[in-house]
Amino acid sequence: MKIENIKFKSSDFHSHLKSRMLQRGVTKEEVEITIKDGWKADDAKTSTEGKVFVFPYNREWEGKYFAEKEVTVYYKFIKGKILLLTVKSRYGENFLKGGGGSANRI
């Protein structure tokens, strides 16, 4: 499966995932970009894959201003299809980009 061409439908986002996305301020578009352009999340569990991407944010989240948002998406491949598991986000600035070291630790 070519990840770089992936487009998700609403049905690809199960109710738990949708709840986490809303709770953590992550959009469908950010999930797609993270999977296509992100780097490997080194904290993914065995048989699970993860990708991390840092987005410019430059606005408030929960009453505090943040320059960047780091999004991590965890997923599996099952029978040639991608199954989205969950997402994490953290807000801040000067996140390491491109992986390596503790860049992916949430």
Protein backbone atom coordinates (compact mmCIF):
# COMPACT_ATOMS: atom_id res chain seq x y z
CA MET A 1 0.00 0.00 0.00
CA LYS A 2 1.34 3.42 -0.94
CA ILE A 3 1.06 5.62 2.10
CA GLU A 4 1.98 8.79 0.23
CA ASN A 5 -1.29 8.58 -1.78
CA ILE A 6 -3.58 7.76 1.11
CA LYS A 7 -6.89 9.57 1.62
CA PHE A 8 -9.13 8.62 4.49
CA LYS A 9 -12.91 8.45 4.48
CA SER A 10 -15.01 9.34 7.49
CA SER A 11 -15.65 5.62 8.03
CA ASP A 12 -11.90 5.06 8.55
CA PHE A 13 -12.13 7.00 11.81
CA HIS A 14 -13.78 4.81 14.48
CA SER A 15 -15.59 6.45 17.40
CA HIS A 16 -12.69 6.13 19.87
CA LEU A 17 -10.31 7.72 17.37
CA LYS A 18 -12.73 10.56 16.63
CA SER A 19 -13.06 11.22 20.37
CA ARG A 20 -9.28 11.33 20.82
CA MET A 21 -8.86 13.62 17.82
CA LEU A 22 -11.42 16.06 19.20
CA GLN A 23 -9.96 15.88 22.71
CA ARG A 24 -6.42 16.44 21.41
CA GLY A 25 -7.18 18.99 18.70
CA VAL A 26 -6.14 16.86 15.72
CA THR A 27 -7.83 17.13 12.31
CA LYS A 28 -8.36 14.54 9.57
CA GLU A 29 -5.99 16.50 7.35
CA GLU A 30 -3.27 16.44 10.03
CA VAL A 31 -3.66 12.65 10.31
CA GLU A 32 -3.22 12.29 6.54
CA ILE A 33 -0.19 14.61 6.43
CA THR A 34 1.42 12.89 9.43
CA ILE A 35 1.09 9.45 7.85
CA LYS A 36 2.28 10.64 4.43
CA ASP A 37 5.08 13.02 5.42
CA GLY A 38 5.93 12.17 9.02
CA TRP A 39 8.88 10.24 10.37
CA LYS A 40 8.84 6.98 12.28
CA ALA A 41 7.58 7.13 15.87
CA ASP A 42 10.13 5.15 17.82
CA ASP A 43 7.71 4.54 20.70
CA ALA A 44 5.23 2.45 18.65
CA LYS A 45 4.51 -0.95 20.16
CA THR A 46 5.45 -4.19 18.43
CA SER A 47 3.30 -4.85 15.34
CA THR A 48 2.08 -1.24 15.43
CA GLU A 49 3.46 1.53 13.28
CA GLY A 50 3.54 5.20 14.11
CA LYS A 51 4.40 8.46 12.41
CA VAL A 52 5.18 11.89 13.88
CA PHE A 53 4.91 15.32 12.26
CA VAL A 54 5.38 18.82 13.66
CA PHE A 55 2.99 21.47 12.38
CA PRO A 56 3.34 25.24 12.76
CA TYR A 57 0.51 26.24 15.08
CA ASN A 58 0.92 29.86 16.21
CA ARG A 59 -2.33 30.16 18.14
CA GLU A 60 -3.95 29.32 21.44
CA TRP A 61 -4.87 25.87 22.68
CA GLU A 62 -6.81 25.67 25.94
CA GLY A 63 -6.01 29.30 26.76
CA LYS A 64 -2.26 29.21 26.11
CA TYR A 65 -0.31 30.26 22.99
CA PHE A 66 1.80 27.62 21.21
CA ALA A 67 4.09 27.94 18.21
CA GLU A 68 3.95 24.27 17.18
CA LYS A 69 1.83 21.15 17.44
CA GLU A 70 3.39 17.69 17.29
CA VAL A 71 1.00 14.98 16.07
CA THR A 72 1.67 11.25 16.38
CA VAL A 73 -0.55 8.71 14.61
CA TYR A 74 -0.47 4.99 15.44
CA TYR A 75 -1.79 2.41 12.98
CA LYS A 76 -1.55 -1.16 11.71
CA PHE A 77 -1.75 -2.79 8.30
CA ILE A 78 -4.34 -5.54 8.19
CA LYS A 79 -4.93 -7.45 4.95
CA GLY A 80 -3.34 -4.64 2.96
CA LYS A 81 -5.48 -1.91 4.51
CA ILE A 82 -4.46 0.67 7.08
CA LEU A 83 -6.27 0.59 10.41
CA LEU A 84 -5.95 3.83 12.39
CA LEU A 85 -5.57 3.13 16.11
CA THR A 86 -5.13 6.42 17.92
CA VAL A 87 -3.53 9.86 17.78
CA LYS A 88 -1.56 11.94 20.26
CA SER A 89 -0.69 15.60 20.19
CA ARG A 90 1.43 17.90 22.21
CA TYR A 91 1.78 21.63 21.97
CA GLY A 92 4.94 23.67 22.43
CA GLU A 93 7.85 24.95 20.42
CA ASN A 94 11.23 23.85 19.10
CA PHE A 95 10.22 20.20 18.75
CA LEU A 96 12.90 18.09 17.09
CA LYS A 97 11.92 17.41 13.52
CA GLY A 98 12.74 14.39 11.41
CA GLY A 99 13.06 11.86 14.22
CA GLY A 100 16.04 10.67 16.15
CA GLY A 101 16.87 10.83 19.81
CA SER A 102 13.89 11.64 21.97
CA ALA A 103 12.14 13.58 19.21
CA ASN A 104 9.24 11.17 19.17
CA ARG A 105 8.70 10.75 22.89
CA ILE A 106 5.33 12.05 24.00
